[in-house]
Amino acid sequence: MAILQLEDKTRHTDLNNITQELAPLNIQLNRWAVGDNRQLHQLLAQDSLSEDEKEQVLTLLDSYFKQLQQTAGYQTRDLIVLHPGIPNLDAMLSKFDKIHIHAEDEVRYIIDGEGIFGFVRPDGSQVELTVQPEEYINVPAGTEHWFYLTPARRIKAVRYFTGTQGWTPEYTRTEIRTSKVTSDQ
């Protein structure tokens, strides 16, 4: 269940309320069932996955990819698997924990674990959204945001791409004011 925390510490857990709060940013947030495939759940229970196992997971979830190919022109997808045992995890994540934008939409389908997206709204206020398993998020290109992991420090997410050019973070001069407000859950 997604959790949206506003700067005044108000929390929303109802998807409709969250969608309404994020509407000025045109962020899409949906629930996508992982399903009950036993093989998929066994793979998701593992901390790390081989490249073959990642491909198995992607294949088992390809109905969503096919949908996105037809409706939004997505061309490729991959599976990111992060956990505390990954060497240089902090260095890798430090690229995204500052406010930045991308030239393309950032699209994630969280299938295990959780992470936090922070956003700067048009009025300058900041919010943080904890995304959890079975949640799909599309952050439009040009949206000021940041990302970090919750204290569990693990996530598995399918990433969908229309191309590869727009993935370098472009840092803005905006400072984060929320002090990672949802990390104390």
N, C-alpha and C. Protein backbone atom coordinates (compact mmCIF):
# COMPACT_ATOMS: atom_id res chain seq x y z
N MET A 1 0.84 -1.17 0.00
CA MET A 1 0.00 0.00 0.00
C MET A 1 0.89 1.24 0.00
N ALA A 2 0.73 2.08 -0.99
CA ALA A 2 1.51 3.31 -1.09
C ALA A 2 1.19 4.23 0.08
N ILE A 3 2.20 4.98 0.48
CA ILE A 3 2.05 5.96 1.56
C ILE A 3 2.60 7.29 1.05
N LEU A 4 1.77 8.31 1.07
CA LEU A 4 2.20 9.65 0.67
C LEU A 4 2.25 10.52 1.91
N GLN A 5 3.41 11.11 2.15
CA GLN A 5 3.55 12.02 3.28
C GLN A 5 3.82 13.42 2.79
N LEU A 6 3.01 14.36 3.27
CA LEU A 6 3.16 15.76 2.93
C LEU A 6 4.15 16.42 3.89
N GLU A 7 4.56 17.62 3.58
CA GLU A 7 5.50 18.33 4.44
C GLU A 7 4.96 18.56 5.84
N ASP A 8 3.64 18.72 5.98
CA ASP A 8 3.06 18.95 7.31
C ASP A 8 2.85 17.65 8.08
N LYS A 9 3.41 16.55 7.57
CA LYS A 9 3.36 15.21 8.19
C LYS A 9 2.03 14.50 7.98
N THR A 10 1.09 15.09 7.24
CA THR A 10 -0.14 14.41 6.88
C THR A 10 0.22 13.20 6.02
N ARG A 11 -0.41 12.06 6.31
CA ARG A 11 -0.16 10.85 5.53
C ARG A 11 -1.43 10.39 4.84
N HIS A 12 -1.28 9.97 3.60
CA HIS A 12 -2.39 9.41 2.84
C HIS A 12 -2.01 7.99 2.44
N THR A 13 -2.96 7.06 2.62
CA THR A 13 -2.75 5.68 2.20
C THR A 13 -3.79 5.22 1.20
N ASP A 14 -4.84 5.99 1.03
CA ASP A 14 -5.88 5.67 0.06
C ASP A 14 -5.39 6.07 -1.34
N LEU A 15 -5.42 5.13 -2.28
CA LEU A 15 -4.91 5.38 -3.62
C LEU A 15 -5.58 6.58 -4.28
N ASN A 16 -6.89 6.75 -4.06
CA ASN A 16 -7.59 7.89 -4.66
C ASN A 16 -7.07 9.22 -4.09
N ASN A 17 -6.85 9.28 -2.78
CA ASN A 17 -6.32 10.50 -2.17
C ASN A 17 -4.91 10.79 -2.65
N ILE A 18 -4.10 9.74 -2.75
CA ILE A 18 -2.73 9.92 -3.22
C ILE A 18 -2.72 10.43 -4.66
N THR A 19 -3.55 9.81 -5.50
CA THR A 19 -3.64 10.22 -6.90
C THR A 19 -4.07 11.68 -7.01
N GLN A 20 -5.00 12.08 -6.18
CA GLN A 20 -5.46 13.48 -6.18
C GLN A 20 -4.33 14.43 -5.76
N GLU A 21 -3.57 14.07 -4.75
CA GLU A 21 -2.45 14.90 -4.29
C GLU A 21 -1.36 15.02 -5.34
N LEU A 22 -1.15 13.95 -6.11
CA LEU A 22 -0.08 13.94 -7.12
C LEU A 22 -0.55 14.41 -8.49
N ALA A 23 -1.85 14.67 -8.64
CA ALA A 23 -2.42 15.07 -9.94
C ALA A 23 -1.71 16.26 -10.58
N PRO A 24 -1.32 17.31 -9.83
CA PRO A 24 -0.64 18.43 -10.48
C PRO A 24 0.67 18.04 -11.16
N LEU A 25 1.24 16.89 -10.79
CA LEU A 25 2.49 16.43 -11.39
C LEU A 25 2.25 15.42 -12.52
N ASN A 26 1.00 15.03 -12.73
CA ASN A 26 0.65 14.03 -13.75
C ASN A 26 1.29 12.68 -13.50
N ILE A 27 1.57 12.38 -12.25
CA ILE A 27 2.16 11.08 -11.90
C ILE A 27 1.07 10.02 -11.93
N GLN A 28 1.35 8.92 -12.58
CA GLN A 28 0.42 7.79 -12.60
C GLN A 28 0.85 6.80 -11.52
N LEU A 29 -0.10 6.36 -10.73
CA LEU A 29 0.15 5.36 -9.70
C LEU A 29 -0.99 4.36 -9.76
N ASN A 30 -0.65 3.09 -9.93
CA ASN A 30 -1.66 2.04 -10.04
C ASN A 30 -1.22 0.80 -9.28
N ARG A 31 -2.17 -0.07 -9.03
CA ARG A 31 -1.87 -1.38 -8.45
C ARG A 31 -1.90 -2.40 -9.58
N TRP A 32 -0.82 -3.16 -9.69
CA TRP A 32 -0.74 -4.24 -10.67
C TRP A 32 -0.44 -5.52 -9.91
N ALA A 33 -1.31 -6.48 -9.97
CA ALA A 33 -1.13 -7.75 -9.26
C ALA A 33 0.06 -8.51 -9.83
N VAL A 34 0.85 -9.08 -8.96
CA VAL A 34 1.95 -9.96 -9.38
C VAL A 34 1.40 -11.32 -9.76
N GLY A 35 0.29 -11.69 -9.16
CA GLY A 35 -0.32 -12.98 -9.44
C GLY A 35 0.14 -14.03 -8.45
N ASP A 36 -0.27 -15.26 -8.70
CA ASP A 36 0.04 -16.32 -7.74
C ASP A 36 0.93 -17.40 -8.33
N ASN A 37 1.68 -17.09 -9.37
CA ASN A 37 2.59 -18.05 -9.96
C ASN A 37 3.65 -18.45 -8.93
N ARG A 38 3.71 -19.73 -8.64
CA ARG A 38 4.62 -20.24 -7.60
C ARG A 38 6.08 -19.97 -7.94
N GLN A 39 6.46 -20.21 -9.19
CA GLN A 39 7.84 -19.99 -9.62
C GLN A 39 8.24 -18.52 -9.43
N LEU A 40 7.34 -17.61 -9.80
CA LEU A 40 7.61 -16.19 -9.65
C LEU A 40 7.83 -15.83 -8.18
N HIS A 41 6.97 -16.33 -7.31
CA HIS A 41 7.10 -16.02 -5.89
C HIS A 41 8.38 -16.61 -5.29
N GLN A 42 8.80 -17.76 -5.77
CA GLN A 42 10.07 -18.33 -5.31
C GLN A 42 11.24 -17.45 -5.72
N LEU A 43 11.19 -16.93 -6.94
CA LEU A 43 12.25 -16.04 -7.41
C LEU A 43 12.25 -14.73 -6.63
N LEU A 44 11.07 -14.19 -6.37
CA LEU A 44 10.99 -12.93 -5.64
C LEU A 44 11.46 -13.06 -4.20
N ALA A 45 11.42 -14.25 -3.65
CA ALA A 45 11.85 -14.47 -2.26
C ALA A 45 13.39 -14.47 -2.13
N GLN A 46 14.09 -14.61 -3.24
CA GLN A 46 15.56 -14.62 -3.21
C GLN A 46 16.08 -13.18 -3.11
N ASP A 47 17.21 -13.00 -2.40
CA ASP A 47 17.83 -11.67 -2.33
C ASP A 47 18.36 -11.24 -3.68
N SER A 48 19.14 -12.11 -4.31
CA SER A 48 19.72 -11.75 -5.60
C SER A 48 19.25 -12.74 -6.65
N LEU A 49 19.33 -12.32 -7.89
CA LEU A 49 18.90 -13.16 -9.02
C LEU A 49 19.97 -13.15 -10.09
N SER A 50 20.17 -14.30 -10.72
CA SER A 50 21.07 -14.37 -11.87
C SER A 50 20.40 -13.68 -13.05
N GLU A 51 21.14 -13.46 -14.11
CA GLU A 51 20.55 -12.84 -15.31
C GLU A 51 19.44 -13.72 -15.87
N ASP A 52 19.63 -15.05 -15.85
CA ASP A 52 18.58 -15.96 -16.33
C ASP A 52 17.33 -15.87 -15.46
N GLU A 53 17.53 -15.78 -14.14
CA GLU A 53 16.38 -15.68 -13.24
C GLU A 53 15.65 -14.35 -13.43
N LYS A 54 16.40 -13.28 -13.67
CA LYS A 54 15.76 -11.99 -13.95
C LYS A 54 14.90 -12.09 -15.20
N GLU A 55 15.42 -12.75 -16.22
CA GLU A 55 14.67 -12.89 -17.46
C GLU A 55 13.41 -13.73 -17.25
N GLN A 56 13.50 -14.74 -16.39
CA GLN A 56 12.31 -15.54 -16.06
C GLN A 56 11.24 -14.66 -15.41
N VAL A 57 11.64 -13.82 -14.47
CA VAL A 57 10.70 -12.91 -13.81
C VAL A 57 10.05 -11.99 -14.84
N LEU A 58 10.88 -11.40 -15.70
CA LEU A 58 10.35 -10.48 -16.72
C LEU A 58 9.36 -11.19 -17.64
N THR A 59 9.68 -12.40 -18.05
CA THR A 59 8.81 -13.16 -18.93
C THR A 59 7.48 -13.46 -18.24
N LEU A 60 7.54 -13.81 -16.95
CA LEU A 60 6.32 -14.11 -16.21
C LEU A 60 5.43 -12.87 -16.05
N LEU A 61 6.00 -11.69 -16.15
CA LEU A 61 5.24 -10.45 -16.00
C LEU A 61 5.06 -9.69 -17.32
N ASP A 62 5.33 -10.35 -18.41
CA ASP A 62 5.32 -9.67 -19.72
C ASP A 62 3.96 -9.16 -20.18
N SER A 63 2.87 -9.59 -19.58
CA SER A 63 1.56 -9.07 -20.02
C SER A 63 1.50 -7.56 -19.80
N TYR A 64 2.12 -7.08 -18.71
CA TYR A 64 2.14 -5.63 -18.46
C TYR A 64 3.02 -4.92 -19.49
N PHE A 65 4.15 -5.52 -19.83
CA PHE A 65 5.05 -4.93 -20.82
C PHE A 65 4.35 -4.83 -22.18
N LYS A 66 3.66 -5.87 -22.57
CA LYS A 66 2.95 -5.86 -23.85
C LYS A 66 1.89 -4.76 -23.88
N GLN A 67 1.22 -4.59 -22.74
CA GLN A 67 0.24 -3.51 -22.61
C GLN A 67 0.90 -2.15 -22.84
N LEU A 68 2.03 -1.92 -22.16
CA LEU A 68 2.74 -0.64 -22.28
C LEU A 68 3.32 -0.44 -23.67
N GLN A 69 3.73 -1.50 -24.32
CA GLN A 69 4.22 -1.38 -25.70
C GLN A 69 3.12 -0.85 -26.61
N GLN A 70 1.92 -1.39 -26.44
CA GLN A 70 0.80 -1.01 -27.29
C GLN A 70 0.25 0.37 -26.96
N THR A 71 0.16 0.70 -25.67
CA THR A 71 -0.50 1.94 -25.28
C THR A 71 0.44 3.14 -25.17
N ALA A 72 1.72 2.90 -24.89
CA ALA A 72 2.62 4.02 -24.63
C ALA A 72 3.96 3.94 -25.38
N GLY A 73 4.14 2.94 -26.21
CA GLY A 73 5.34 2.87 -27.03
C GLY A 73 6.61 2.43 -26.32
N TYR A 74 6.48 1.76 -25.18
CA TYR A 74 7.69 1.29 -24.49
C TYR A 74 8.35 0.19 -25.30
N GLN A 75 9.68 0.25 -25.36
CA GLN A 75 10.45 -0.64 -26.24
C GLN A 75 11.21 -1.73 -25.49
N THR A 76 11.70 -1.41 -24.30
CA THR A 76 12.50 -2.37 -23.55
C THR A 76 12.12 -2.33 -22.08
N ARG A 77 12.56 -3.36 -21.37
CA ARG A 77 12.37 -3.41 -19.93
C ARG A 77 13.51 -4.19 -19.34
N ASP A 78 13.78 -3.94 -18.06
CA ASP A 78 14.75 -4.74 -17.34
C ASP A 78 14.29 -4.86 -15.90
N LEU A 79 15.04 -5.63 -15.12
CA LEU A 79 14.69 -5.83 -13.72
C LEU A 79 15.87 -5.39 -12.87
N ILE A 80 15.61 -4.43 -12.00
CA ILE A 80 16.64 -3.95 -11.07
C ILE A 80 16.42 -4.68 -9.74
N VAL A 81 17.49 -5.22 -9.19
CA VAL A 81 17.43 -5.95 -7.94
C VAL A 81 18.46 -5.33 -7.00
N LEU A 82 17.98 -4.67 -5.96
CA LEU A 82 18.87 -4.03 -4.99
C LEU A 82 18.65 -4.64 -3.61
N HIS A 83 19.75 -4.87 -2.91
CA HIS A 83 19.69 -5.42 -1.55
C HIS A 83 21.00 -5.07 -0.84
N PRO A 84 21.03 -5.19 0.49
CA PRO A 84 22.21 -4.76 1.24
C PRO A 84 23.51 -5.45 0.84
N GLY A 85 23.45 -6.62 0.25
CA GLY A 85 24.67 -7.34 -0.13
C GLY A 85 25.34 -6.86 -1.40
N ILE A 86 24.76 -5.92 -2.09
CA ILE A 86 25.34 -5.42 -3.35
C ILE A 86 26.52 -4.51 -3.03
N PRO A 87 27.69 -4.81 -3.60
CA PRO A 87 28.84 -3.93 -3.37
C PRO A 87 28.57 -2.53 -3.90
N ASN A 88 28.99 -1.53 -3.17
CA ASN A 88 28.84 -0.13 -3.56
C ASN A 88 27.39 0.31 -3.76
N LEU A 89 26.48 -0.29 -3.00
CA LEU A 89 25.07 0.08 -3.11
C LEU A 89 24.86 1.56 -2.82
N ASP A 90 25.50 2.07 -1.77
CA ASP A 90 25.33 3.49 -1.43
C ASP A 90 25.81 4.40 -2.54
N ALA A 91 26.94 4.07 -3.16
CA ALA A 91 27.46 4.89 -4.25
C ALA A 91 26.50 4.88 -5.44
N MET A 92 25.93 3.71 -5.73
CA MET A 92 24.99 3.60 -6.84
C MET A 92 23.74 4.44 -6.56
N LEU A 93 23.22 4.35 -5.35
CA LEU A 93 22.00 5.08 -5.00
C LEU A 93 22.22 6.58 -4.87
N SER A 94 23.46 6.99 -4.60
CA SER A 94 23.74 8.43 -4.42
C SER A 94 23.50 9.23 -5.70
N LYS A 95 23.40 8.57 -6.83
CA LYS A 95 23.10 9.27 -8.08
C LYS A 95 21.66 9.78 -8.12
N PHE A 96 20.81 9.18 -7.27
CA PHE A 96 19.38 9.47 -7.37
C PHE A 96 18.79 10.09 -6.11
N ASP A 97 19.59 10.27 -5.05
CA ASP A 97 19.04 10.80 -3.80
C ASP A 97 19.10 12.32 -3.70
N LYS A 98 19.45 12.97 -4.80
CA LYS A 98 19.40 14.43 -4.91
C LYS A 98 18.31 14.78 -5.93
N ILE A 99 17.75 15.96 -5.82
CA ILE A 99 16.67 16.34 -6.73
C ILE A 99 17.21 16.44 -8.16
N HIS A 100 16.51 15.75 -9.05
CA HIS A 100 16.91 15.70 -10.45
C HIS A 100 15.68 15.52 -11.33
N ILE A 101 15.91 15.62 -12.61
CA ILE A 101 14.89 15.34 -13.62
C ILE A 101 15.49 14.37 -14.62
N HIS A 102 14.63 13.81 -15.46
CA HIS A 102 15.07 12.98 -16.58
C HIS A 102 14.40 13.52 -17.85
N ALA A 103 15.02 13.28 -18.98
CA ALA A 103 14.46 13.69 -20.26
C ALA A 103 13.34 12.74 -20.71
N GLU A 104 13.24 11.58 -20.09
CA GLU A 104 12.18 10.61 -20.38
C GLU A 104 11.43 10.28 -19.10
N ASP A 105 10.24 9.71 -19.26
CA ASP A 105 9.48 9.27 -18.09
C ASP A 105 10.28 8.22 -17.32
N GLU A 106 10.12 8.21 -16.01
CA GLU A 106 10.70 7.16 -15.17
C GLU A 106 9.55 6.25 -14.76
N VAL A 107 9.60 5.01 -15.23
CA VAL A 107 8.50 4.08 -15.06
C VAL A 107 8.99 2.85 -14.31
N ARG A 108 8.32 2.53 -13.21
CA ARG A 108 8.70 1.41 -12.36
C ARG A 108 7.48 0.60 -11.96
N TYR A 109 7.67 -0.71 -11.93
CA TYR A 109 6.67 -1.64 -11.39
C TYR A 109 7.37 -2.36 -10.25
N ILE A 110 7.00 -2.04 -9.03
CA ILE A 110 7.63 -2.60 -7.85
C ILE A 110 7.04 -4.00 -7.63
N ILE A 111 7.91 -5.01 -7.59
CA ILE A 111 7.41 -6.37 -7.41
C ILE A 111 7.87 -6.98 -6.09
N ASP A 112 8.81 -6.34 -5.41
CA ASP A 112 9.26 -6.80 -4.10
C ASP A 112 10.00 -5.65 -3.42
N GLY A 113 9.93 -5.59 -2.10
CA GLY A 113 10.61 -4.53 -1.38
C GLY A 113 9.88 -3.21 -1.51
N GLU A 114 10.62 -2.12 -1.23
CA GLU A 114 9.99 -0.81 -1.31
C GLU A 114 11.04 0.28 -1.47
N GLY A 115 10.59 1.42 -1.96
CA GLY A 115 11.46 2.57 -2.13
C GLY A 115 10.65 3.84 -1.96
N ILE A 116 11.34 4.96 -1.91
CA ILE A 116 10.67 6.24 -1.67
C ILE A 116 11.04 7.23 -2.77
N PHE A 117 10.02 7.74 -3.43
CA PHE A 117 10.18 8.82 -4.39
C PHE A 117 9.76 10.11 -3.69
N GLY A 118 10.59 11.11 -3.79
CA GLY A 118 10.22 12.44 -3.33
C GLY A 118 9.93 13.30 -4.54
N PHE A 119 9.01 14.24 -4.40
CA PHE A 119 8.61 15.11 -5.51
C PHE A 119 8.52 16.55 -5.07
N VAL A 120 8.86 17.44 -5.98
CA VAL A 120 8.64 18.88 -5.79
C VAL A 120 7.38 19.21 -6.59
N ARG A 121 6.34 19.69 -5.90
CA ARG A 121 5.09 20.02 -6.58
C ARG A 121 5.18 21.41 -7.19
N PRO A 122 4.28 21.74 -8.11
CA PRO A 122 4.32 23.04 -8.78
C PRO A 122 4.33 24.24 -7.83
N ASP A 123 3.72 24.10 -6.64
CA ASP A 123 3.70 25.21 -5.68
C ASP A 123 4.97 25.27 -4.84
N GLY A 124 5.93 24.37 -5.12
CA GLY A 124 7.20 24.34 -4.38
C GLY A 124 7.19 23.42 -3.18
N SER A 125 6.01 22.95 -2.77
CA SER A 125 5.96 22.02 -1.63
C SER A 125 6.56 20.68 -2.06
N GLN A 126 6.97 19.90 -1.07
CA GLN A 126 7.59 18.61 -1.34
C GLN A 126 6.82 17.51 -0.63
N VAL A 127 6.74 16.36 -1.28
CA VAL A 127 6.06 15.19 -0.72
C VAL A 127 6.94 13.98 -0.96
N GLU A 128 6.72 12.94 -0.16
CA GLU A 128 7.43 11.69 -0.37
C GLU A 128 6.42 10.55 -0.45
N LEU A 129 6.63 9.68 -1.43
CA LEU A 129 5.74 8.57 -1.71
C LEU A 129 6.50 7.26 -1.54
N THR A 130 6.07 6.45 -0.59
CA THR A 130 6.64 5.12 -0.43
C THR A 130 5.87 4.19 -1.37
N VAL A 131 6.60 3.55 -2.27
CA VAL A 131 5.99 2.59 -3.20
C VAL A 131 6.39 1.19 -2.76
N GLN A 132 5.42 0.28 -2.85
CA GLN A 132 5.59 -1.07 -2.33
C GLN A 132 5.19 -2.09 -3.39
N PRO A 133 5.30 -3.40 -3.06
CA PRO A 133 4.99 -4.42 -4.06
C PRO A 133 3.61 -4.25 -4.69
N GLU A 134 3.58 -4.54 -5.97
CA GLU A 134 2.39 -4.47 -6.81
C GLU A 134 1.95 -3.05 -7.10
N GLU A 135 2.90 -2.12 -7.05
CA GLU A 135 2.58 -0.74 -7.39
C GLU A 135 3.39 -0.31 -8.61
N TYR A 136 2.68 0.31 -9.53
CA TYR A 136 3.25 0.83 -10.77
C TYR A 136 3.25 2.34 -10.67
N ILE A 137 4.38 2.95 -11.01
CA ILE A 137 4.48 4.41 -10.98
C ILE A 137 5.12 4.90 -12.27
N ASN A 138 4.56 5.99 -12.79
CA ASN A 138 5.12 6.66 -13.95
C ASN A 138 5.34 8.12 -13.56
N VAL A 139 6.63 8.50 -13.50
CA VAL A 139 7.01 9.87 -13.18
C VAL A 139 7.33 10.56 -14.50
N PRO A 140 6.53 11.54 -14.91
CA PRO A 140 6.73 12.17 -16.22
C PRO A 140 8.10 12.84 -16.35
N ALA A 141 8.61 12.85 -17.57
CA ALA A 141 9.87 13.55 -17.87
C ALA A 141 9.78 14.98 -17.37
N GLY A 142 10.89 15.48 -16.84
CA GLY A 142 10.95 16.85 -16.38
C GLY A 142 10.41 17.09 -14.98
N THR A 143 9.94 16.04 -14.31
CA THR A 143 9.43 16.16 -12.94
C THR A 143 10.59 16.15 -11.96
N GLU A 144 10.67 17.19 -11.13
CA GLU A 144 11.72 17.22 -10.10
C GLU A 144 11.42 16.15 -9.06
N HIS A 145 12.38 15.26 -8.86
CA HIS A 145 12.18 14.16 -7.91
C HIS A 145 13.52 13.65 -7.39
N TRP A 146 13.43 12.77 -6.41
CA TRP A 146 14.59 12.05 -5.89
C TRP A 146 14.10 10.68 -5.47
N PHE A 147 15.05 9.78 -5.17
CA PHE A 147 14.69 8.40 -4.81
C PHE A 147 15.70 7.87 -3.81
N TYR A 148 15.21 7.10 -2.84
CA TYR A 148 16.08 6.37 -1.93
C TYR A 148 15.34 5.13 -1.42
N LEU A 149 16.06 4.22 -0.83
CA LEU A 149 15.47 3.01 -0.29
C LEU A 149 15.04 3.23 1.16
N THR A 150 14.07 2.46 1.59
CA THR A 150 13.66 2.46 3.00
C THR A 150 14.75 1.74 3.80
N PRO A 151 14.68 1.75 5.13
CA PRO A 151 15.72 1.10 5.93
C PRO A 151 15.94 -0.39 5.61
N ALA A 152 14.95 -1.07 5.06
CA ALA A 152 15.15 -2.48 4.66
C ALA A 152 16.17 -2.61 3.53
N ARG A 153 16.35 -1.54 2.76
CA ARG A 153 17.35 -1.45 1.70
C ARG A 153 17.25 -2.59 0.68
N ARG A 154 16.03 -2.85 0.25
CA ARG A 154 15.86 -3.86 -0.78
C ARG A 154 14.65 -3.53 -1.64
N ILE A 155 14.82 -3.80 -2.94
CA ILE A 155 13.72 -3.58 -3.88
C ILE A 155 13.99 -4.39 -5.14
N LYS A 156 12.92 -4.88 -5.72
CA LYS A 156 12.96 -5.47 -7.06
C LYS A 156 11.93 -4.69 -7.86
N ALA A 157 12.35 -4.13 -8.98
CA ALA A 157 11.44 -3.32 -9.78
C ALA A 157 11.72 -3.53 -11.26
N VAL A 158 10.63 -3.68 -12.01
CA VAL A 158 10.75 -3.72 -13.47
C VAL A 158 10.79 -2.27 -13.92
N ARG A 159 11.78 -1.97 -14.77
CA ARG A 159 11.91 -0.62 -15.34
C ARG A 159 11.53 -0.72 -16.81
N TYR A 160 10.71 0.23 -17.26
CA TYR A 160 10.25 0.25 -18.65
C TYR A 160 10.83 1.49 -19.33
N PHE A 161 11.27 1.32 -20.59
CA PHE A 161 11.95 2.40 -21.31
C PHE A 161 11.39 2.57 -22.71
N THR A 162 11.29 3.83 -23.14
CA THR A 162 10.98 4.11 -24.55
C THR A 162 12.28 4.26 -25.33
N GLY A 163 13.36 4.58 -24.66
CA GLY A 163 14.69 4.73 -25.25
C GLY A 163 15.71 4.71 -24.14
N THR A 164 16.95 5.05 -24.45
CA THR A 164 17.99 5.03 -23.41
C THR A 164 18.62 6.40 -23.21
N GLN A 165 18.28 7.35 -24.06
CA GLN A 165 18.94 8.65 -24.00
C GLN A 165 18.57 9.48 -22.79
N GLY A 166 17.35 9.33 -22.28
CA GLY A 166 16.87 10.22 -21.24
C GLY A 166 17.10 9.77 -19.82
N TRP A 167 18.07 8.88 -19.60
CA TRP A 167 18.21 8.29 -18.28
C TRP A 167 19.29 8.88 -17.41
N THR A 168 20.05 9.78 -17.93
CA THR A 168 21.05 10.43 -17.09
C THR A 168 20.34 11.45 -16.23
N PRO A 169 20.54 11.39 -14.88
CA PRO A 169 19.88 12.40 -14.05
C PRO A 169 20.46 13.79 -14.32
N GLU A 170 19.57 14.76 -14.46
CA GLU A 170 19.98 16.16 -14.60
C GLU A 170 19.62 16.82 -13.28
N TYR A 171 20.63 17.16 -12.49
CA TYR A 171 20.40 17.70 -11.15
C TYR A 171 19.91 19.14 -11.24
N THR A 172 18.95 19.45 -10.38
CA THR A 172 18.44 20.81 -10.30
C THR A 172 19.08 21.47 -9.08
N ARG A 173 18.81 22.71 -8.88
CA ARG A 173 19.38 23.43 -7.73
C ARG A 173 18.44 23.41 -6.52
N THR A 174 17.33 22.69 -6.64
CA THR A 174 16.37 22.61 -5.55
C THR A 174 16.93 21.72 -4.44
N GLU A 175 16.75 22.15 -3.21
CA GLU A 175 17.19 21.38 -2.04
C GLU A 175 16.02 20.57 -1.48
N ILE A 176 16.32 19.39 -0.97
CA ILE A 176 15.31 18.57 -0.31
C ILE A 176 15.04 19.15 1.07
N ARG A 177 13.76 19.39 1.36
CA ARG A 177 13.38 19.93 2.67
C ARG A 177 12.70 18.90 3.56
N THR A 178 12.33 17.76 3.00
CA THR A 178 11.51 16.81 3.76
C THR A 178 12.32 15.92 4.69
N SER A 179 13.63 15.94 4.61
CA SER A 179 14.49 15.18 5.52
C SER A 179 14.14 13.71 5.57
N LYS A 180 13.83 13.16 4.43
CA LYS A 180 13.49 11.74 4.35
C LYS A 180 12.44 11.38 5.39
N VAL A 181 11.31 12.06 5.30
CA VAL A 181 10.26 11.99 6.32
C VAL A 181 9.62 10.62 6.46
N THR A 182 9.58 9.83 5.41
CA THR A 182 8.89 8.54 5.53
C THR A 182 9.82 7.41 5.91
N SER A 183 11.10 7.68 6.12
CA SER A 183 12.03 6.60 6.41
C SER A 183 11.90 6.09 7.85
N ASP A 184 11.06 6.71 8.67
CA ASP A 184 10.92 6.27 10.05
C ASP A 184 9.68 5.40 10.27
N GLN A 185 9.19 4.79 9.22
CA GLN A 185 7.98 3.97 9.34
C GLN A 185 8.23 2.74 10.18
